[in-house]
Protein backbone atom coordinates (compact mmCIF):
# COMPACT_ATOMS: atom_id res chain seq x y z
CA MET A 1 0.00 0.00 0.00
CA ARG A 2 2.89 2.35 0.72
CA ALA A 3 4.17 2.05 -2.84
CA ILE A 4 0.70 2.69 -4.24
CA LEU A 5 0.30 5.87 -2.19
CA LEU A 6 3.80 7.01 -3.15
CA GLY A 7 3.18 6.44 -6.84
CA GLY A 8 -0.11 8.32 -6.79
CA GLY A 9 1.22 11.17 -4.62
CA VAL A 10 4.40 11.80 -6.60
CA SER A 11 2.49 11.66 -9.87
CA LEU A 12 -0.14 14.09 -8.57
CA LEU A 13 2.48 16.60 -7.48
CA ILE A 14 4.43 16.43 -10.75
CA SER A 15 1.27 16.76 -12.84
CA LEU A 16 -0.13 19.64 -10.79
CA LEU A 17 3.07 21.67 -11.02
CA GLY A 18 4.22 20.43 -14.42
CA THR A 19 0.98 21.26 -16.19
CA ARG A 20 1.31 24.91 -15.14
CA VAL A 21 4.79 24.99 -16.71
CA ALA A 22 3.46 23.25 -19.84
CA ILE A 23 0.70 25.84 -20.25
CA LYS A 24 3.27 28.64 -20.22
CA LYS A 25 5.73 26.93 -22.54
CA PHE A 26 3.18 25.58 -25.03
CA THR A 27 1.60 29.02 -25.27
CA GLN A 28 4.99 30.58 -26.01
CA TRP A 29 5.70 27.95 -28.66
CA GLY A 30 2.27 28.35 -30.27
CA TYR A 31 1.11 24.81 -29.55
CA GLY A 32 -2.56 25.76 -29.74
CA GLN A 33 -5.61 23.58 -30.39
CA GLU A 34 -7.37 23.70 -33.76
CA ILE A 35 -11.17 23.30 -33.58
CA ARG A 36 -13.27 21.19 -35.94
CA ASP A 37 -15.48 23.35 -38.15
CA ASP A 38 -18.53 21.08 -37.89
CA GLY A 39 -18.54 21.10 -34.07
CA PRO A 40 -20.58 23.33 -31.74
CA THR A 41 -19.93 27.00 -32.46
CA SER A 42 -19.33 27.64 -28.75
CA HIS A 43 -16.06 25.71 -29.07
CA HIS A 44 -14.56 28.20 -31.51
CA THR A 45 -13.53 30.39 -28.58
CA LYS A 46 -11.21 27.56 -27.48
CA ARG A 47 -9.08 27.87 -30.60
CA GLY A 48 -5.46 28.44 -29.61
CA THR A 49 -5.75 26.84 -26.15
CA PRO A 50 -2.52 24.91 -25.47
CA THR A 51 -2.78 21.22 -26.30
CA MET A 52 -0.59 18.09 -25.95
CA GLY A 53 -0.99 18.27 -22.16
CA GLY A 54 -1.01 14.49 -22.24
CA VAL A 55 2.79 14.72 -22.28
CA VAL A 56 2.64 15.89 -18.66
CA ILE A 57 0.23 13.08 -17.70
CA ILE A 58 2.54 10.46 -19.21
CA LEU A 59 5.71 11.86 -17.66
CA ALA A 60 4.07 12.30 -14.25
CA ALA A 61 2.73 8.74 -14.19
CA VAL A 62 5.99 7.16 -15.35
CA VAL A 63 8.10 9.16 -12.89
CA GLY A 64 5.60 8.46 -10.12
CA TYR A 65 5.83 4.71 -10.72
CA PHE A 66 9.63 4.56 -10.78
CA ALA A 67 9.86 6.89 -7.76
CA ALA A 68 7.67 4.48 -5.80
CA LYS A 69 9.82 1.53 -6.87
CA LEU A 70 13.02 3.39 -5.98
CA ILE A 71 11.81 4.47 -2.54
CA THR A 72 10.50 1.00 -1.69
CA GLN A 73 13.62 -0.60 -3.22
CA THR A 74 11.71 -3.09 -5.33
CA VAL A 75 12.35 -4.21 -8.91
CA PRO A 76 9.85 -3.37 -11.70
CA THR A 77 7.94 -6.41 -12.91
CA ALA A 78 7.35 -7.65 -16.45
CA SER A 79 3.65 -6.78 -16.31
CA ALA A 80 4.37 -3.22 -15.21
CA MET A 81 6.95 -2.66 -17.95
CA LEU A 82 4.52 -3.99 -20.56
CA LEU A 83 1.79 -1.66 -19.34
CA LEU A 84 4.15 1.31 -19.40
CA PHE A 85 5.23 0.36 -22.93
CA LEU A 86 1.61 0.39 -24.08
CA PHE A 87 0.92 3.64 -22.20
CA VAL A 88 3.90 5.49 -23.66
CA GLY A 89 3.66 3.87 -27.10
CA MET A 90 0.06 4.95 -27.62
CA GLY A 91 1.03 8.36 -26.30
CA LEU A 92 3.68 8.63 -29.03
CA VAL A 93 1.07 7.86 -31.69
CA GLY A 94 -1.12 10.58 -30.23
CA PHE A 95 1.83 12.98 -30.05
CA LEU A 96 2.45 12.59 -33.79
CA ASP A 97 -1.23 13.29 -34.41
CA ASP A 98 -1.18 16.43 -32.24
CA PHE A 99 2.09 17.70 -33.69
CA ILE A 100 0.81 17.44 -37.27
CA LYS A 101 -2.31 19.39 -36.27
CA ILE A 102 -0.16 22.14 -34.80
CA TYR A 103 2.42 22.17 -37.59
CA LYS A 104 -0.16 22.27 -40.39
CA GLN A 105 -2.67 24.42 -38.45
CA ARG A 106 -5.63 22.13 -39.05
CA SER A 107 -8.06 20.12 -36.92
CA LEU A 108 -7.01 16.82 -38.53
CA GLY A 109 -3.62 15.32 -37.73
CA LEU A 110 -2.59 11.83 -38.77
CA ARG A 111 -4.77 10.29 -41.44
CA SER A 112 -7.06 7.63 -39.98
CA LYS A 113 -5.14 4.87 -41.76
CA ALA A 114 -1.78 6.08 -40.44
CA LYS A 115 -3.15 6.41 -36.91
CA MET A 116 -4.59 2.90 -37.07
CA ILE A 117 -1.25 1.53 -38.27
CA GLY A 118 0.48 3.14 -35.31
CA GLN A 119 -2.07 1.80 -32.85
CA THR A 120 -1.88 -1.64 -34.45
CA VAL A 121 1.91 -1.84 -34.24
CA VAL A 122 1.98 -0.82 -30.58
CA GLY A 123 -0.96 -3.08 -29.70
CA LEU A 124 0.41 -6.16 -31.45
CA VAL A 125 3.90 -5.74 -29.98
CA PHE A 126 2.32 -5.44 -26.53
CA GLY A 127 0.17 -8.52 -27.17
CA ALA A 128 3.04 -10.62 -28.49
CA LEU A 129 5.24 -9.78 -25.50
CA ALA A 130 2.40 -10.29 -23.00
CA LEU A 131 1.81 -13.80 -24.37
CA SER A 132 5.49 -14.66 -24.86
CA PRO A 133 6.93 -17.67 -23.01
CA MET A 134 10.05 -15.56 -22.39
CA LEU A 135 8.10 -13.51 -19.84
CA GLU A 136 6.56 -16.46 -17.99
CA ASP A 137 7.16 -16.56 -14.24
CA ASP A 138 8.27 -19.53 -12.15
CA ARG A 139 4.77 -21.00 -12.43
CA GLY A 140 4.86 -20.82 -16.23
CA GLN A 141 2.38 -17.96 -16.29
CA ALA A 142 2.64 -15.19 -18.90
CA PRO A 143 1.34 -11.66 -18.16
CA ALA A 144 -1.66 -12.18 -20.47
CA SER A 145 -3.76 -15.32 -20.90
CA HIS A 146 -5.14 -17.30 -23.81
CA SER A 147 -8.67 -17.25 -22.42
CA ILE A 148 -11.63 -14.93 -22.63
CA SER A 149 -11.95 -13.15 -19.30
CA PHE A 150 -14.63 -11.37 -17.28
CA ILE A 151 -13.35 -11.17 -13.70
CA ARG A 152 -11.14 -14.21 -14.26
CA ASP A 153 -10.37 -16.52 -17.16
CA PHE A 154 -13.08 -18.76 -18.58
CA ASP A 155 -11.02 -21.95 -18.66
CA SER A 156 -13.34 -23.53 -21.24
CA PHE A 157 -12.49 -20.79 -23.77
CA VAL A 158 -8.78 -21.28 -24.35
CA LEU A 159 -7.96 -19.71 -27.71
CA PRO A 160 -5.10 -20.00 -30.22
CA THR A 161 -2.38 -17.36 -29.94
CA VAL A 162 -3.34 -15.72 -33.24
CA VAL A 163 -6.93 -15.26 -32.10
CA VAL A 164 -5.82 -13.86 -28.75
CA LEU A 165 -3.52 -11.38 -30.49
CA LEU A 166 -6.43 -10.18 -32.62
CA LEU A 167 -8.58 -9.77 -29.51
CA ILE A 168 -5.82 -7.82 -27.75
CA TRP A 169 -5.50 -5.60 -30.82
CA LEU A 170 -9.26 -5.04 -30.79
CA VAL A 171 -9.35 -4.15 -27.09
CA VAL A 172 -6.37 -1.78 -27.37
CA THR A 173 -7.51 0.07 -30.47
CA ALA A 174 -11.16 0.22 -29.42
CA THR A 175 -10.43 1.50 -25.92
CA SER A 176 -7.85 4.08 -27.00
CA ASN A 177 -10.21 5.43 -29.66
CA ALA A 178 -13.12 5.43 -27.18
CA VAL A 179 -11.25 7.62 -24.68
CA ASN A 180 -10.20 9.82 -27.60
CA LEU A 181 -13.86 10.31 -28.57
CA ALA A 182 -14.77 11.24 -25.00
CA ASP A 183 -12.14 13.97 -24.93
CA GLY A 184 -14.38 16.68 -26.33
CA LEU A 185 -15.39 18.84 -23.36
CA ASP A 186 -13.32 20.51 -20.64
CA GLY A 187 -12.47 17.87 -18.04
CA LEU A 188 -14.80 15.18 -19.40
CA ALA A 189 -12.23 12.53 -20.32
CA THR A 190 -9.85 13.51 -17.50
CA GLY A 191 -12.47 13.23 -14.76
CA SER A 192 -13.86 10.00 -16.17
CA CYS A 193 -10.36 8.49 -16.32
CA ILE A 194 -9.77 9.40 -12.67
CA LEU A 195 -12.76 7.30 -11.67
CA VAL A 196 -11.95 4.39 -13.98
CA PHE A 197 -8.24 4.17 -13.14
CA GLY A 198 -9.11 4.58 -9.48
CA ALA A 199 -11.37 1.55 -9.88
CA TYR A 200 -8.56 -0.49 -11.41
CA THR A 201 -6.30 0.49 -8.53
CA ILE A 202 -8.83 -1.13 -6.20
CA VAL A 203 -9.20 -4.17 -8.48
CA ASN A 204 -5.45 -4.77 -8.40
CA ILE A 205 -5.30 -4.36 -4.62
CA TRP A 206 -7.98 -7.01 -4.30
CA GLN A 207 -6.06 -9.25 -6.70
CA ASN A 208 -2.81 -8.88 -4.81
CA ASN A 209 -1.69 -12.33 -3.72
CA GLN A 210 -0.44 -10.94 -0.41
CA TRP A 211 -3.97 -9.76 0.39
CA CYS A 212 -5.73 -12.95 -0.66
CA GLY A 213 -6.30 -15.44 2.11
CA GLN A 214 -5.79 -13.06 5.02
CA SER A 215 -9.25 -13.82 6.39
CA ASP A 216 -11.59 -16.76 6.53
CA ILE A 217 -13.39 -15.66 3.33
CA THR A 218 -13.25 -18.14 0.46
CA TYR A 219 -11.40 -16.29 -2.30
CA GLY A 220 -11.43 -16.77 -6.04
CA LYS A 221 -8.44 -17.76 -8.11
CA CYS A 222 -6.04 -15.04 -7.00
CA TYR A 223 -3.13 -16.87 -8.60
CA GLU A 224 -4.44 -16.18 -12.11
CA VAL A 225 -3.08 -12.62 -12.21
CA ARG A 226 0.58 -11.63 -12.54
CA ASP A 227 2.08 -8.74 -10.55
CA PRO A 228 -1.17 -7.10 -9.30
CA LEU A 229 0.60 -4.83 -6.79
CA ASP A 230 2.81 -3.32 -9.48
CA LEU A 231 -0.18 -2.79 -11.74
CA ALA A 232 -1.92 -1.06 -8.83
CA ILE A 233 1.01 1.35 -8.50
CA ILE A 234 0.74 2.32 -12.17
CA ALA A 235 -3.04 2.67 -11.98
CA ALA A 236 -2.65 4.90 -8.92
CA ALA A 237 0.09 6.93 -10.63
CA ILE A 238 -2.13 7.54 -13.67
CA THR A 239 -5.02 8.46 -11.37
CA GLY A 240 -2.81 10.98 -9.58
CA ALA A 241 -1.54 12.40 -12.87
CA CYS A 242 -5.11 12.91 -14.08
CA PHE A 243 -6.06 14.58 -10.78
CA GLY A 244 -3.23 17.09 -11.16
CA PHE A 245 -4.06 17.72 -14.80
CA LEU A 246 -7.77 18.22 -14.07
CA TRP A 247 -6.91 21.26 -11.93
CA TRP A 248 -5.95 23.04 -15.17
CA ASN A 249 -8.20 21.12 -17.57
CA ALA A 250 -11.50 21.78 -15.75
CA SER A 251 -13.83 24.35 -17.33
CA PRO A 252 -12.69 26.77 -18.57
CA ALA A 253 -9.76 24.60 -19.64
CA GLN A 254 -6.35 26.24 -19.75
CA ILE A 255 -4.87 23.23 -21.53
CA PHE A 256 -6.10 20.14 -23.39
CA MET A 257 -4.61 16.66 -23.14
CA GLY A 258 -4.86 16.16 -26.91
CA ASP A 259 -4.56 12.80 -28.61
CA THR A 260 -1.25 12.41 -26.76
CA GLY A 261 -3.17 12.02 -23.52
CA SER A 262 -6.38 10.36 -24.68
CA LEU A 263 -4.70 7.60 -26.70
CA ALA A 264 -2.19 6.97 -23.91
CA LEU A 265 -4.91 6.75 -21.26
CA GLY A 266 -7.05 4.52 -23.46
CA GLY A 267 -4.10 2.24 -24.13
CA ALA A 268 -3.26 2.00 -20.43
CA LEU A 269 -6.88 1.22 -19.61
CA ALA A 270 -6.93 -1.56 -22.19
CA GLY A 271 -3.63 -2.89 -20.86
CA LEU A 272 -4.95 -3.00 -17.31
CA ALA A 273 -8.05 -4.90 -18.45
CA ILE A 274 -5.94 -7.44 -20.35
CA LEU A 275 -3.35 -7.97 -17.61
CA THR A 276 -5.95 -8.21 -14.83
CA ARG A 277 -8.12 -10.68 -16.78
CA THR A 278 -11.08 -8.27 -16.82
CA GLU A 279 -11.51 -7.48 -20.51
CA LEU A 280 -15.28 -7.98 -20.48
CA LEU A 281 -15.68 -6.22 -17.12
CA LEU A 282 -14.08 -3.17 -18.76
CA ILE A 283 -17.32 -2.75 -20.71
CA VAL A 284 -19.06 -2.10 -17.38
CA ILE A 285 -16.38 -0.06 -15.59
CA GLY A 286 -15.68 2.02 -18.69
CA GLY A 287 -19.32 2.22 -19.68
CA ILE A 288 -19.18 5.94 -20.47
CA PHE A 289 -16.56 5.28 -23.15
CA VAL A 290 -18.73 2.52 -24.60
CA VAL A 291 -21.67 4.93 -24.85
CA GLU A 292 -19.52 7.58 -26.56
CA THR A 293 -18.28 5.04 -29.12
CA LEU A 294 -21.71 3.56 -29.80
CA SER A 295 -23.15 7.02 -30.41
CA VAL A 296 -20.62 7.60 -33.20
CA MET A 297 -21.14 4.13 -34.69
CA MET A 298 -24.92 4.56 -34.66
CA GLN A 299 -24.71 8.03 -36.19
CA VAL A 300 -22.41 6.98 -39.03
CA SER A 301 -24.29 3.73 -39.76
CA TRP A 302 -27.71 5.39 -39.80
CA PHE A 303 -26.49 8.26 -41.98
CA LYS A 304 -24.99 5.87 -44.55
CA ALA A 305 -28.00 3.57 -44.54
CA THR A 306 -30.57 6.35 -45.00
CA LYS A 307 -28.45 8.03 -47.68
CA ARG A 308 -28.22 4.77 -49.57
CA PHE A 309 -31.94 4.00 -49.51
CA THR A 310 -33.46 7.50 -49.57
CA GLY A 311 -30.74 9.60 -51.14
CA THR A 312 -30.59 11.86 -48.09
CA GLY A 313 -28.49 11.01 -45.05
CA ARG A 314 -30.27 11.36 -41.72
CA ARG A 315 -28.93 11.58 -38.18
CA ILE A 316 -29.99 10.03 -34.89
CA PHE A 317 -28.19 12.69 -32.85
CA ARG A 318 -27.73 16.32 -33.72
CA ILE A 319 -24.00 15.69 -33.61
CA ALA A 320 -21.78 12.86 -32.40
CA PRO A 321 -20.15 11.93 -30.04
CA ILE A 322 -23.17 12.11 -27.78
CA HIS A 323 -21.80 14.74 -25.37
CA HIS A 324 -21.98 17.26 -28.22
CA HIS A 325 -25.61 16.27 -28.83
CA PHE A 326 -26.56 17.48 -25.36
CA GLU A 327 -24.66 20.71 -25.99
CA MET A 328 -26.72 21.27 -29.11
CA LEU A 329 -29.86 20.72 -27.01
CA GLY A 330 -28.85 23.73 -24.92
CA TRP A 331 -27.11 22.07 -21.96
CA GLU A 332 -24.21 23.99 -20.49
CA GLN A 333 -20.83 22.27 -20.96
CA VAL A 334 -20.30 22.02 -17.21
CA THR A 335 -23.70 20.35 -16.82
CA VAL A 336 -22.88 17.76 -19.48
CA VAL A 337 -19.49 17.02 -17.93
CA ILE A 338 -20.79 16.64 -14.37
CA ARG A 339 -23.66 14.39 -15.44
CA PHE A 340 -21.31 12.23 -17.50
CA TRP A 341 -19.04 11.99 -14.45
CA ILE A 342 -22.06 10.79 -12.45
CA ILE A 343 -22.77 8.15 -15.08
CA THR A 344 -19.11 7.09 -14.97
CA GLY A 345 -19.29 6.82 -11.19
CA LEU A 346 -22.34 4.57 -11.44
CA CYS A 347 -20.58 2.37 -14.01
CA VAL A 348 -17.49 2.13 -11.80
CA ALA A 349 -19.57 1.31 -8.72
CA GLY A 350 -21.44 -1.36 -10.64
CA GLY A 351 -18.24 -2.88 -12.02
CA LEU A 352 -16.53 -2.94 -8.63
CA GLY A 353 -19.64 -4.42 -7.05
CA ILE A 354 -19.68 -7.24 -9.59
CA PHE A 355 -15.96 -7.85 -9.14
CA TYR A 356 -16.18 -7.90 -5.35
CA ALA A 357 -19.15 -10.24 -5.29
CA GLU A 358 -17.75 -12.66 -7.84
CA TRP A 359 -14.01 -12.63 -7.10
CA VAL A 360 -13.45 -11.73 -3.45
CA ALA A 361 -16.49 -13.51 -2.06
CA GLY A 362 -15.95 -16.41 -4.44
CA THR A 363 -19.66 -16.70 -5.21
């Protein structure tokens, strides 16, 4: 627990102070946000707000983790290094996207194909390493499993390595893009990530082998998960980094995380789900990101279908993702953000409740 608190605390402090420095420097360098022309007109006033604040989130979380390991004099584990690789790797893809937007002064950065290639490379390398026999522990257990997982592996669904790699790719790309879609209002994605990563900190504490069996409760298969304490430190460090960043990102935002932050956070969230054997539970805990993604998929599908059969494309929402729809209905941005935070809190509470009942109580 000491290492978890250290990781979160150091990360929070670095993010809180570092973001203020980033705002000043990015403003001087002209690293301002470009706004999409088809978005709500109220967002045009945000043009020029410093972006790429995700760099601070990434640095704060990474430094926070290694500071905790250094102070507690423990060695980083394979699972933790894999998660950090995915976190930083997806952040680099997002950084390229943000830099192109700034350099070319447009709201579109990397082409969708190029961004997908970057996400695919990082995701597949992560998946291949997580499944590699080279990283198996003394019990012959790799960081990731070959099974479909909810709160633990379904032993009857052991899959071939190729299929598992494709599933890992799907989880990584889908989750990173989902967080990216949610990053459209001041503090929306940041606040939601605080709740979700906070939940995964708790999940990893519960999965910690040192905690399992300390009472007379009948526990689930705690041995299924590799290095839960180290994963908890990273989850806490990311939570702390988001807390510090939210101080400056809350409405009216003085800085945006950009794709650098949203893709990195989405990648880390996917990595935590894969390494904790909770890929399907992520749908519950990260429910707000699922809703944001579905709103875009529904909008695009309905528009294409109606255009094909009637000649005129029609929309389900006034604009997608769905948080912009509520803006167009006249809701204040702060109202949308707070209500989406409430929904995220309910999803997190539901996910933790399911996990506790099924894993810890062993029911």
